[in-house]
Every structure is written in structure tokens, then in C-alpha cells.
Protein backbone atom coordinates (compact mmCIF):
# COMPACT_ATOMS: atom_id res chain seq x y z
CA UNK A 1 51.39 -42.63 79.80
CA UNK A 2 48.50 -44.18 77.90
CA UNK A 3 47.52 -47.85 77.92
CA UNK A 4 48.22 -49.65 74.65
CA UNK A 5 44.69 -50.69 73.72
CA UNK A 6 42.30 -50.32 70.75
CA UNK A 7 40.71 -46.99 69.90
CA UNK A 8 37.23 -46.55 71.40
CA UNK A 9 34.82 -44.32 69.47
CA UNK A 10 32.59 -43.89 72.52
CA UNK A 11 35.28 -41.78 74.22
CA UNK A 12 34.97 -39.15 71.47
CA UNK A 13 31.23 -39.10 70.69
CA UNK A 14 30.75 -35.44 71.76
CA UNK A 15 33.50 -34.44 69.28
CA UNK A 16 32.19 -36.51 66.33
CA UNK A 17 31.29 -33.42 64.27
CA UNK A 18 34.87 -32.13 64.62
CA UNK A 19 36.55 -35.46 63.76
CA UNK A 20 35.36 -36.30 60.22
CA UNK A 21 38.42 -38.39 59.29
CA UNK A 22 37.61 -40.71 62.18
CA UNK A 23 33.81 -40.78 62.15
CA UNK A 24 32.97 -40.61 58.42
CA UNK A 25 33.86 -44.29 57.74
CA UNK A 26 31.74 -45.34 60.75
CA UNK A 27 28.78 -43.20 59.67
CA UNK A 28 28.94 -44.64 56.15
CA UNK A 29 28.87 -48.21 57.50
CA UNK A 30 26.00 -47.46 59.90
CA UNK A 31 23.99 -45.91 57.06
CA UNK A 32 24.44 -48.96 54.81
CA UNK A 33 23.51 -51.40 57.58
CA UNK A 34 20.34 -49.43 58.36
CA UNK A 35 19.46 -49.29 54.66
CA UNK A 36 19.85 -53.06 54.38
CA UNK A 37 17.68 -53.51 57.48
CA UNK A 38 14.99 -51.34 55.86
CA UNK A 39 15.04 -53.00 52.46
CA UNK A 40 15.92 -56.62 53.16
CA UNK A 41 12.46 -57.58 54.40
CA UNK A 42 12.47 -60.71 56.52
CA UNK A 43 15.66 -62.06 54.98
CA UNK A 44 18.87 -62.73 56.86
CA UNK A 45 21.82 -60.56 55.87
CA UNK A 46 25.58 -61.18 55.94
CA UNK A 47 27.91 -58.15 55.85
CA UNK A 48 31.69 -58.09 55.56
CA UNK A 49 33.88 -55.31 57.02
CA UNK A 50 37.20 -55.98 55.32
CA UNK A 51 40.63 -54.51 55.93
CA UNK A 52 44.21 -55.23 56.85
CA UNK A 53 45.25 -56.08 60.39
CA UNK A 54 45.67 -52.80 62.24
CA UNK A 55 43.30 -50.89 59.94
CA UNK A 56 40.85 -50.30 62.82
CA UNK A 57 38.26 -53.02 62.12
CA UNK A 58 37.81 -53.94 65.79
CA UNK A 59 37.25 -50.30 66.77
CA UNK A 60 34.68 -49.91 63.99
CA UNK A 61 32.92 -53.18 64.88
CA UNK A 62 32.69 -52.28 68.57
CA UNK A 63 31.29 -48.89 67.63
CA UNK A 64 28.70 -50.57 65.38
CA UNK A 65 27.76 -52.88 68.26
CA UNK A 66 27.49 -49.95 70.68
CA UNK A 67 25.45 -47.87 68.23
CA UNK A 68 22.84 -50.55 67.56
CA UNK A 69 22.81 -51.80 71.14
CA UNK A 70 23.05 -48.50 73.05
CA UNK A 71 21.53 -45.95 70.65
CA UNK A 72 19.00 -47.93 68.58
CA UNK A 73 18.21 -50.41 71.38
CA UNK A 74 18.47 -53.51 69.16
CA UNK A 75 19.59 -56.87 70.60
CA UNK A 76 23.30 -57.02 69.80
CA UNK A 77 26.10 -59.47 70.58
CA UNK A 78 29.84 -59.15 69.95
CA UNK A 79 31.73 -62.41 69.43
CA UNK A 80 35.54 -62.61 69.38
CA UNK A 81 36.22 -65.71 67.31
CA UNK A 82 39.93 -66.06 68.19
CA UNK A 83 39.04 -66.87 71.80
CA UNK A 84 37.51 -70.14 70.58
CA UNK A 85 40.45 -71.32 68.51
CA UNK A 86 40.46 -74.70 70.29
CA UNK A 87 36.72 -75.36 69.94
CA UNK A 88 35.87 -77.95 67.32
CA UNK A 89 32.67 -76.03 66.53
CA UNK A 90 32.96 -72.29 67.35
CA UNK A 91 29.35 -71.84 66.21
CA UNK A 92 28.18 -73.33 69.52
CA UNK A 93 29.79 -70.65 71.76
CA UNK A 94 28.60 -68.05 69.23
CA UNK A 95 25.01 -69.21 69.55
CA UNK A 96 25.45 -69.44 73.33
CA UNK A 97 26.17 -65.70 73.39
CA UNK A 98 22.54 -65.13 72.40
CA UNK A 99 21.80 -65.72 76.08
CA UNK A 100 23.05 -62.15 76.63
CA UNK A 101 19.98 -60.78 74.81
CA UNK A 102 17.35 -63.27 75.97
CA UNK A 103 15.36 -63.82 79.13
CA UNK A 104 12.48 -65.90 80.41
CA UNK A 105 10.81 -68.24 77.94
CA UNK A 106 13.01 -67.03 75.08
CA UNK A 107 16.14 -68.09 76.99
CA UNK A 108 14.59 -71.49 77.59
CA UNK A 109 13.94 -71.76 73.87
CA UNK A 110 17.58 -70.97 73.17
CA UNK A 111 18.74 -73.70 75.55
CA UNK A 112 16.48 -76.16 73.75
CA UNK A 113 18.07 -75.23 70.42
CA UNK A 114 21.59 -75.55 71.84
CA UNK A 115 20.78 -79.00 73.19
CA UNK A 116 19.44 -79.98 69.77
CA UNK A 117 22.67 -78.86 68.18
CA UNK A 118 24.55 -81.87 69.51
CA UNK A 119 28.11 -82.38 68.39
CA UNK A 120 27.31 -85.33 66.13
CA UNK A 121 24.53 -83.51 64.28
CA UNK A 122 26.64 -80.37 63.89
CA UNK A 123 29.69 -82.22 62.64
CA UNK A 124 27.55 -84.09 60.13
CA UNK A 125 25.93 -80.85 59.01
CA UNK A 126 29.38 -79.31 58.59
CA UNK A 127 30.52 -82.25 56.47
CA UNK A 128 27.42 -82.00 54.30
CA UNK A 129 27.91 -78.28 53.85
CA UNK A 130 31.49 -78.84 52.67
CA UNK A 131 30.16 -81.20 50.02
CA UNK A 132 27.50 -78.73 48.95
CA UNK A 133 30.02 -75.89 48.86
CA UNK A 134 32.54 -77.85 46.80
CA UNK A 135 29.88 -78.99 44.37
CA UNK A 136 28.54 -75.44 43.92
CA UNK A 137 32.02 -73.90 43.43
CA UNK A 138 31.20 -70.85 45.47
CA UNK A 139 27.68 -70.36 44.12
CA UNK A 140 24.69 -69.54 46.29
CA UNK A 141 24.13 -72.24 48.92
CA UNK A 142 20.60 -72.87 50.03
CA UNK A 143 18.50 -75.55 51.70
CA UNK A 144 18.01 -77.28 48.33
CA UNK A 145 21.76 -77.76 47.83
CA UNK A 146 22.23 -78.93 51.40
CA UNK A 147 19.41 -81.46 51.06
CA UNK A 148 20.94 -82.77 47.84
CA UNK A 149 24.28 -83.19 49.59
CA UNK A 150 22.66 -85.31 52.28
CA UNK A 151 21.06 -87.51 49.62
CA UNK A 152 24.43 -88.02 47.95
CA UNK A 153 25.80 -89.61 51.12
CA UNK A 154 22.88 -91.96 51.41
CA UNK A 155 19.36 -92.35 52.66
CA UNK A 156 20.59 -92.98 56.18
CA UNK A 157 21.58 -89.31 56.45
CA UNK A 158 18.10 -88.02 55.62
CA UNK A 159 17.53 -88.26 59.37
CA UNK A 160 20.26 -85.70 59.92
CA UNK A 161 18.78 -83.40 57.30
CA UNK A 162 15.43 -83.56 59.09
CA UNK A 163 17.20 -82.68 62.31
CA UNK A 164 18.87 -79.70 60.63
CA UNK A 165 15.56 -78.51 59.18
CA UNK A 166 13.97 -78.76 62.61
CA UNK A 167 16.83 -76.85 64.23
CA UNK A 168 16.70 -74.12 61.59
CA UNK A 169 12.96 -73.72 62.14
CA UNK A 170 13.58 -73.31 65.86
CA UNK A 171 16.33 -70.75 65.22
CA UNK A 172 13.99 -68.74 62.97
CA UNK A 173 11.40 -68.66 65.75
CA UNK A 174 14.09 -67.80 68.29
CA UNK A 175 15.32 -64.80 66.24
CA UNK A 176 11.77 -63.47 65.94
CA UNK A 177 11.18 -63.92 69.69
CA UNK A 178 14.45 -62.14 70.58
CA UNK A 179 13.64 -59.04 68.51
CA UNK A 180 10.05 -58.99 69.79
CA UNK A 181 10.84 -59.35 73.49
CA UNK A 182 14.16 -57.50 73.88
CA UNK A 183 14.15 -54.63 76.39
CA UNK A 184 16.95 -52.20 75.53
CA UNK A 185 19.20 -50.24 77.86
CA UNK A 186 19.97 -46.96 76.12
CA UNK A 187 23.26 -45.16 76.82
CA UNK A 188 23.00 -41.37 77.08
CA UNK A 189 26.20 -40.60 75.06
CA UNK A 190 25.05 -42.85 72.21
CA UNK A 191 21.53 -41.45 72.45
CA UNK A 192 22.97 -37.96 71.90
CA UNK A 193 25.09 -39.27 69.04
CA UNK A 194 21.94 -40.70 67.39
CA UNK A 195 20.25 -37.29 67.63
CA UNK A 196 23.27 -35.62 66.04
CA UNK A 197 23.43 -38.28 63.34
CA UNK A 198 19.75 -37.75 62.45
CA UNK A 199 20.34 -34.01 62.09
CA UNK A 200 23.65 -34.22 60.24
CA UNK A 201 22.77 -37.21 58.04
CA UNK A 202 18.98 -37.18 57.62
CA UNK A 203 17.60 -40.40 56.21
CA UNK A 204 14.75 -42.67 57.21
CA UNK A 205 15.76 -45.18 59.87
CA UNK A 206 14.21 -48.66 60.07
CA UNK A 207 11.83 -48.78 63.01
CA UNK A 208 11.69 -52.56 63.40
CA UNK A 209 14.52 -53.87 65.58
CA UNK A 210 16.89 -56.45 64.15
CA UNK A 211 19.13 -58.97 65.84
CA UNK A 212 22.73 -57.82 65.28
CA UNK A 213 25.49 -60.45 65.51
CA UNK A 214 29.04 -59.14 65.15
CA UNK A 215 31.94 -61.58 64.70
CA UNK A 216 35.48 -60.21 65.00
CA UNK A 217 38.86 -61.80 64.24
CA UNK A 218 37.49 -64.67 62.14
CA UNK A 219 40.71 -64.49 60.11
CA UNK A 220 42.87 -65.13 63.19
CA UNK A 221 41.57 -68.68 63.45
CA UNK A 222 43.44 -71.50 61.73
CA UNK A 223 42.18 -71.82 58.11
CA UNK A 224 40.02 -74.91 58.72
CA UNK A 225 38.41 -73.40 61.82
CA UNK A 226 37.87 -70.04 60.12
CA UNK A 227 36.15 -71.54 57.08
CA UNK A 228 34.22 -73.96 59.27
CA UNK A 229 32.81 -71.09 61.34
CA UNK A 230 32.05 -69.05 58.21
CA UNK A 231 30.17 -72.00 56.72
CA UNK A 232 28.25 -72.58 59.94
CA UNK A 233 27.26 -68.91 60.13
CA UNK A 234 26.01 -69.11 56.56
CA UNK A 235 24.33 -72.40 57.44
CA UNK A 236 22.54 -71.48 60.68
CA UNK A 237 22.28 -67.69 61.02
CA UNK A 238 20.59 -66.46 57.85
CA UNK A 239 17.51 -65.80 59.97
CA UNK A 240 14.60 -63.32 59.71
CA UNK A 241 15.46 -59.78 60.87
CA UNK A 242 19.02 -60.87 61.64
CA UNK A 243 22.14 -59.07 60.43
CA UNK A 244 25.50 -60.82 60.84
CA UNK A 245 28.55 -58.55 60.48
CA UNK A 246 32.00 -60.10 60.05
CA UNK A 247 35.28 -58.24 60.51
CA UNK A 248 37.92 -59.94 58.38
CA UNK A 249 41.27 -59.48 56.72
CA UNK A 250 39.99 -60.43 53.28
CA UNK A 251 43.48 -61.28 51.95
CA UNK A 252 44.09 -63.74 54.80
CA UNK A 253 40.61 -65.28 54.64
CA UNK A 254 40.79 -65.48 50.84
CA UNK A 255 43.98 -67.53 51.09
CA UNK A 256 42.36 -69.74 53.75
CA UNK A 257 39.44 -70.44 51.40
CA UNK A 258 41.84 -71.37 48.60
CA UNK A 259 43.73 -73.70 50.96
CA UNK A 260 40.49 -75.35 52.08
CA UNK A 261 39.06 -75.89 48.61
CA UNK A 262 41.88 -77.35 46.52
CA UNK A 263 41.92 -80.04 43.89
CA UNK A 264 43.93 -82.91 45.47
CA UNK A 265 45.11 -84.01 42.01
CA UNK A 266 47.03 -80.84 41.14
CA UNK A 267 46.91 -78.91 44.48
CA UNK A 268 45.30 -75.92 42.79
CA UNK A 269 42.32 -74.03 44.28
CA UNK A 270 38.94 -74.70 42.71
CA UNK A 271 38.22 -70.95 42.66
CA UNK A 272 39.62 -67.68 43.96
CA UNK A 273 38.96 -66.76 47.58
CA UNK A 274 37.87 -63.26 46.52
CA UNK A 275 35.19 -64.60 44.17
CA UNK A 276 33.98 -67.02 46.85
CA UNK A 277 33.56 -64.22 49.40
CA UNK A 278 31.62 -62.12 46.90
CA UNK A 279 28.99 -64.88 46.84
CA UNK A 280 28.69 -64.91 50.62
CA UNK A 281 28.07 -61.27 51.50
CA UNK A 282 25.01 -59.17 50.69
CA UNK A 283 27.25 -56.12 51.17
CA UNK A 284 30.88 -55.57 52.03
CA UNK A 285 33.15 -52.59 52.51
CA UNK A 286 36.92 -52.31 52.31
CA UNK A 287 37.97 -50.28 55.32
CA UNK A 288 40.93 -47.97 54.64
CA UNK A 289 43.50 -47.49 57.36
CA UNK A 290 42.09 -44.85 59.67
CA UNK A 291 44.14 -41.65 59.60
CA UNK A 292 44.60 -40.37 63.15
CA UNK A 293 47.07 -37.60 62.36
CA UNK A 294 44.47 -34.84 62.14
CA UNK A 295 43.21 -35.42 65.70
CA UNK A 296 46.26 -36.69 67.55
CA UNK A 297 46.48 -33.79 69.99
CA UNK A 298 43.19 -34.93 71.55
CA UNK A 299 43.56 -38.69 71.11
CA UNK A 300 47.21 -39.70 71.55
CA UNK A 301 49.20 -36.72 72.81
CA UNK A 302 46.90 -35.62 75.63
CA UNK A 303 49.34 -36.76 78.35
CA UNK A 304 52.23 -35.05 76.56
CA UNK A 305 50.17 -31.85 76.47
CA UNK A 306 49.68 -32.12 80.22
CA UNK A 307 53.42 -32.62 80.73
CA UNK A 308 54.10 -29.54 78.59
CA UNK A 309 51.58 -27.49 80.58
CA UNK A 310 48.70 -27.81 78.15
CA UNK A 311 50.31 -27.01 74.79
CA UNK A 312 52.17 -29.08 72.21
CA UNK A 313 55.02 -27.57 70.17
CA UNK A 314 53.50 -25.55 67.32
CA UNK A 315 55.29 -27.55 64.63
CA UNK A 316 54.24 -30.98 65.93
CA UNK A 317 51.98 -31.45 62.91
CA UNK A 318 54.92 -30.92 60.55
CA UNK A 319 56.47 -34.18 61.73
CA UNK A 320 53.30 -36.18 62.32
CA UNK A 321 51.44 -35.28 59.12
CA UNK A 322 54.40 -36.19 56.91
CA UNK A 323 53.95 -39.92 57.59
CA UNK A 324 51.70 -42.51 56.00
CA UNK A 325 48.87 -43.63 58.36
CA UNK A 326 49.94 -45.71 61.34
CA UNK A 327 47.68 -47.73 63.61
CA UNK A 328 46.15 -46.23 66.71
CA UNK A 329 48.19 -48.48 68.99
CA UNK A 330 51.42 -47.57 67.18
CA UNK A 331 50.70 -43.90 67.83
CA UNK A 332 49.99 -44.65 71.49
CA UNK A 333 53.39 -46.32 71.79
CA UNK A 334 55.04 -43.40 69.98
CA UNK A 335 53.36 -40.92 72.34
CA UNK A 336 54.51 -42.88 75.39
CA UNK A 337 58.05 -42.97 74.04
CA UNK A 338 57.94 -39.21 73.36
CA UNK A 339 56.81 -38.59 76.93
CA UNK A 340 59.72 -40.66 78.30
CA UNK A 341 62.27 -38.79 76.18
CA UNK A 342 60.91 -35.44 77.35
CA UNK A 343 61.28 -36.49 80.99
CA UNK A 344 64.90 -37.48 80.36
CA UNK A 345 65.91 -34.17 78.80
CA UNK A 346 67.03 -31.17 80.77
CA UNK A 347 66.21 -28.67 78.03
CA UNK A 348 62.50 -27.97 77.55
CA UNK A 349 62.73 -25.53 74.60
CA UNK A 350 60.61 -26.14 71.50
CA UNK A 351 63.39 -27.66 69.38
CA UNK A 352 64.31 -30.07 72.15
CA UNK A 353 60.67 -31.14 72.40
CA UNK A 354 60.51 -31.72 68.64
CA UNK A 355 63.82 -33.60 68.69
CA UNK A 356 62.28 -35.94 71.25
CA UNK A 357 59.24 -36.48 69.00
CA UNK A 358 61.47 -37.16 65.96
CA UNK A 359 63.42 -39.76 67.89
CA UNK A 360 60.24 -41.31 69.28
CA UNK A 361 58.87 -41.76 65.74
CA UNK A 362 62.19 -43.06 64.42
CA UNK A 363 62.80 -45.52 67.28
CA UNK A 364 59.21 -46.79 67.23
CA UNK A 365 58.71 -47.10 63.47
CA UNK A 366 62.15 -48.20 62.26
CA UNK A 367 63.11 -50.97 64.70
CA UNK A 368 65.93 -52.42 62.57
CA UNK A 369 67.84 -49.13 62.48
CA UNK A 370 67.05 -48.48 66.14
CA UNK A 371 68.37 -51.89 67.14
CA UNK A 372 71.60 -51.25 65.22
CA UNK A 373 72.12 -47.81 66.79
CA UNK A 374 71.81 -49.09 70.36
CA UNK A 375 75.51 -49.94 70.14
CA UNK A 376 76.28 -46.28 69.38
CA UNK A 377 74.39 -44.33 72.08
CA UNK A 378 75.85 -40.91 71.31
CA UNK A 379 74.87 -41.12 67.64
CA UNK A 380 71.52 -42.67 68.55
CA UNK A 381 70.45 -39.70 70.69
CA UNK A 382 71.37 -37.17 67.98
CA UNK A 383 70.61 -39.20 64.90
CA UNK A 384 68.13 -36.74 63.38
CA UNK A 385 70.99 -34.22 63.04
CA UNK A 386 73.82 -36.64 62.32
CA UNK A 387 72.30 -38.29 59.26
CA UNK A 388 71.66 -34.92 57.60
CA UNK A 389 75.34 -33.94 57.67
CA UNK A 390 77.48 -34.69 54.65
CA UNK A 391 80.71 -35.41 56.51
CA UNK A 392 81.46 -36.43 60.08
CA UNK A 393 83.52 -38.97 61.95
CA UNK A 394 80.65 -41.45 62.33
CA UNK A 395 79.60 -41.37 58.67
CA UNK A 396 79.81 -45.14 58.15
CA UNK A 397 77.63 -45.85 61.19
CA UNK A 398 75.05 -43.23 60.24
CA UNK A 399 74.96 -44.44 56.62
CA UNK A 400 74.34 -48.00 57.77
CA UNK A 401 71.50 -46.93 60.07
CA UNK A 402 69.96 -44.84 57.29
CA UNK A 403 70.16 -47.80 54.92
CA UNK A 404 68.43 -50.05 57.46
CA UNK A 405 65.68 -47.47 58.04
CA UNK A 406 65.01 -47.14 54.30
CA UNK A 407 64.61 -50.91 53.91
CA UNK A 408 62.63 -51.63 57.10
CA UNK A 409 59.08 -52.62 56.10
CA UNK A 410 57.99 -53.46 59.66
CA UNK A 411 55.39 -50.69 59.83
CA UNK A 412 55.47 -48.91 56.46
CA UNK A 413 54.92 -50.24 52.94
CA UNK A 414 57.25 -47.49 51.75
CA UNK A 415 59.83 -47.08 54.52
CA UNK A 416 62.29 -44.97 52.51
CA UNK A 417 59.61 -42.48 51.53
CA UNK A 418 58.50 -42.12 55.15
CA UNK A 419 62.03 -41.88 56.52
CA UNK A 420 62.86 -39.18 53.98
CA UNK A 421 59.60 -37.38 54.80
CA UNK A 422 60.28 -36.99 58.51
CA UNK A 423 63.92 -36.14 57.74
CA UNK A 424 62.89 -33.37 55.35
CA UNK A 425 60.35 -32.14 57.89
CA UNK A 426 63.06 -31.97 60.53
CA UNK A 427 65.47 -30.25 58.10
CA UNK A 428 62.82 -27.58 57.51
CA UNK A 429 62.25 -27.05 61.22
CA UNK A 430 65.98 -26.78 61.91
CA UNK A 431 66.36 -24.28 59.03
CA UNK A 432 63.53 -22.17 60.44
CA UNK A 433 65.20 -22.18 63.86
CA UNK A 434 68.52 -20.95 62.37
CA UNK A 435 66.77 -18.19 60.44
CA UNK A 436 65.05 -17.02 63.60
């Protein structure tokens, strides 16, 4: 049995050359980040890794963090925003994480900056930024716009602007000190991966280290907190030789932006969330759902292989490859279910093994039909055969379960297509068995 947890690229680094469907998206992202580091001069850079929940963003982001931290030796921090849902200002714990890549006098400098970022000053800065953002309707936001926003509120707030300018100057110095003084700890597996990457994908790599800040799960915060943190990142972290990488569900965050910036008179958004995000990021990529099917024997079904004495049924791919991509964790759960069904069965022939896999996929991916069939255990355990027959005594029950499966959008956008696909795959396997 495998633990239900995110996919970890580091576990498969030695096999990267043989797993293109998994590693190609990561390599493309790494190449773009390095290119931006080479060509962006001393400017700060904000990057968006966008995709649906379950598309594999966290796995990609952790791999990016490991690559730059453990292969390139750049100061890197990984910040999980959802853990700070209750913090009024999540930017403070984010900045506090810089302590992980500082020491000595640099760490003292960081503490000075954090003390300067008192709650009152930060809240006021946040309020001013909202005004600047609303007035610019998603356009580029710079120090000039922020200063103008402070002046709108009144001369009394010029003091707060001066405080912000002083803090930003200290943060710029801090970012330079971190990259200059950081002493990396290189990991051997990632070091070998870097060598392979240089040979397989030759391109000039930036030699100057950058500060890498990775923020995951921004979209899991409540809309106000999510936009507040995004604004603060844009406000405080556009620093020299600093690259901030955000993992977001762009559809969710786009809606949050539209909720935040609405005209109170007609309750309509001032602008589209998509257009607003385009103004924020220097580069973004839409991450497709990672397809694990090509490499499942090594990633998900390893324990099943052990149970079956080192070899999966030869037609396993016929069932697995027929489905639209599922998340890594969904395949882990399917594999664990398959293993349980195998242990329960007396017969260990190939067709029995494949029947167990069919049921594992069906029960895991079509929960509405599975829940209905629990009341009919005999049909449930032989459903893959029952629903293919034209006439039988349980036709009404089987028809109802089939109808539920075809309408269940829990894990598939096109449930009927996927249900028919695994059914046709099973029909073909059963036909082959009869012919033999």
C-alpha cells in the first residue's frame, strides 16, 4: 500500500530521461526561469504557474524549489500560503521565511526589516495599494502610483509613504546580501540531474545566483486574503535578483480578483480577473494535467507488482491508457484499492487480476454508481461483466448504475466517454480470452 501524498520528482531523477511525459513540463519551466534570470538584469520578476487543482502544480513547484536550491545552490524558500489563512497579513510570515536562507549580519538585517514592517504601517500600505490598484484598473503599479495614492488620502500619510520607501530600500539591500552571502548545500541526486540537463538541453545558464521565493496555494485563501497577499508580494518583493513564483488556479484567483474589485453601484467587476493577472506576471505558463499513465508501473503500481511477484498483467495498459488523465493521488488510491481486491480473490489468473483493476478504477472514479451498487453486492463484484450483457435478471439495477456512472462528473469532465472507454477495453480483453 502506498501513502496518499503528492508526487515527488526527486524520487525519479535517475529515470528522468525515460519519463518525458513527466519531466518535459518541468524542464520547460526551469528553462524559462533561467532565461528570465539571465535577461532580466537587476529587476524583480513575478512568474505564475497556473493550472487546475490536482494538475500537479505543487509537485512542479517543489521540484523547482529543489532544483534551484539543491542543484543550482541558489537561496530558495517554499511558502505554503494556506497555512496562514488566519493571519491578517500573510506577507509577514512569508518574509519571516527568509530566515531560512540567512545567517549572521544578514539575519540581523532581516529582523530589523520585520520590526519595521509593523502592523499599522503594513495595513496602511495595503489600503493605499488597493486605492492605487483600483485607480489604475489593473495597469502597471509602481512607486509613483503608490505615492500618488498616499497623497490622495492626505498629507498626514506622507509619513507612511516615507516609511514604506525606507522599508523597500532595506529589502533591496537584504535581497542583495542574501544572494551574495548564501552558502549552498548541494544534493547529489539533483547535482546529477543538472549534469544530465546540461547535456540533454544545452543552453547557457545564468551564473549569478538569484533569490527564489515560491508561493503555493495562494488560491486556497479566502478571496480578500489571497488578493491582499498578491498585492503585498507585488508591493514588497519586486527586488533585485529576486524571482517570485506563484502556483495558482487561475480560474479561482481570477474570480477572487473580480469579487474584490467590483463597482458598488452595479456590483459588476471593474475588469476581468484574467486581464488583471496578465499585468502582474512577467511570464506565466498554463500547466496541463500531468499524464501518469505511461509510467504507472514504476510510480503507482510498484506494490502491486511486488504482490504479483514482479510482473503486472500484460494488458494492464489497455485499461489504464483508455482514461483521461487523473491526478497522481487518485491513481495512488486506485492502486491501493486494486491491491486490496487482489488479496481478497482466490483466483490469481490474469483475467481475475484485470477484473480487480477494472473494479478498482470503477469504484474509485465513479463514486455515485459505486455508492448505489453497495446495496447489491453480487452485482457490484461482477459489474464489469453484468453491464455488458443485453438481458439478465438484474437489468434494471445495472442500467441505473450505468446511468449514474455516465453522469458522474466527480473526477472526469466527460464521465460517459471514460466509462465507455474502460468498458470497451474490458470487452476487448474478454473477447481475446474467449478466442484463446
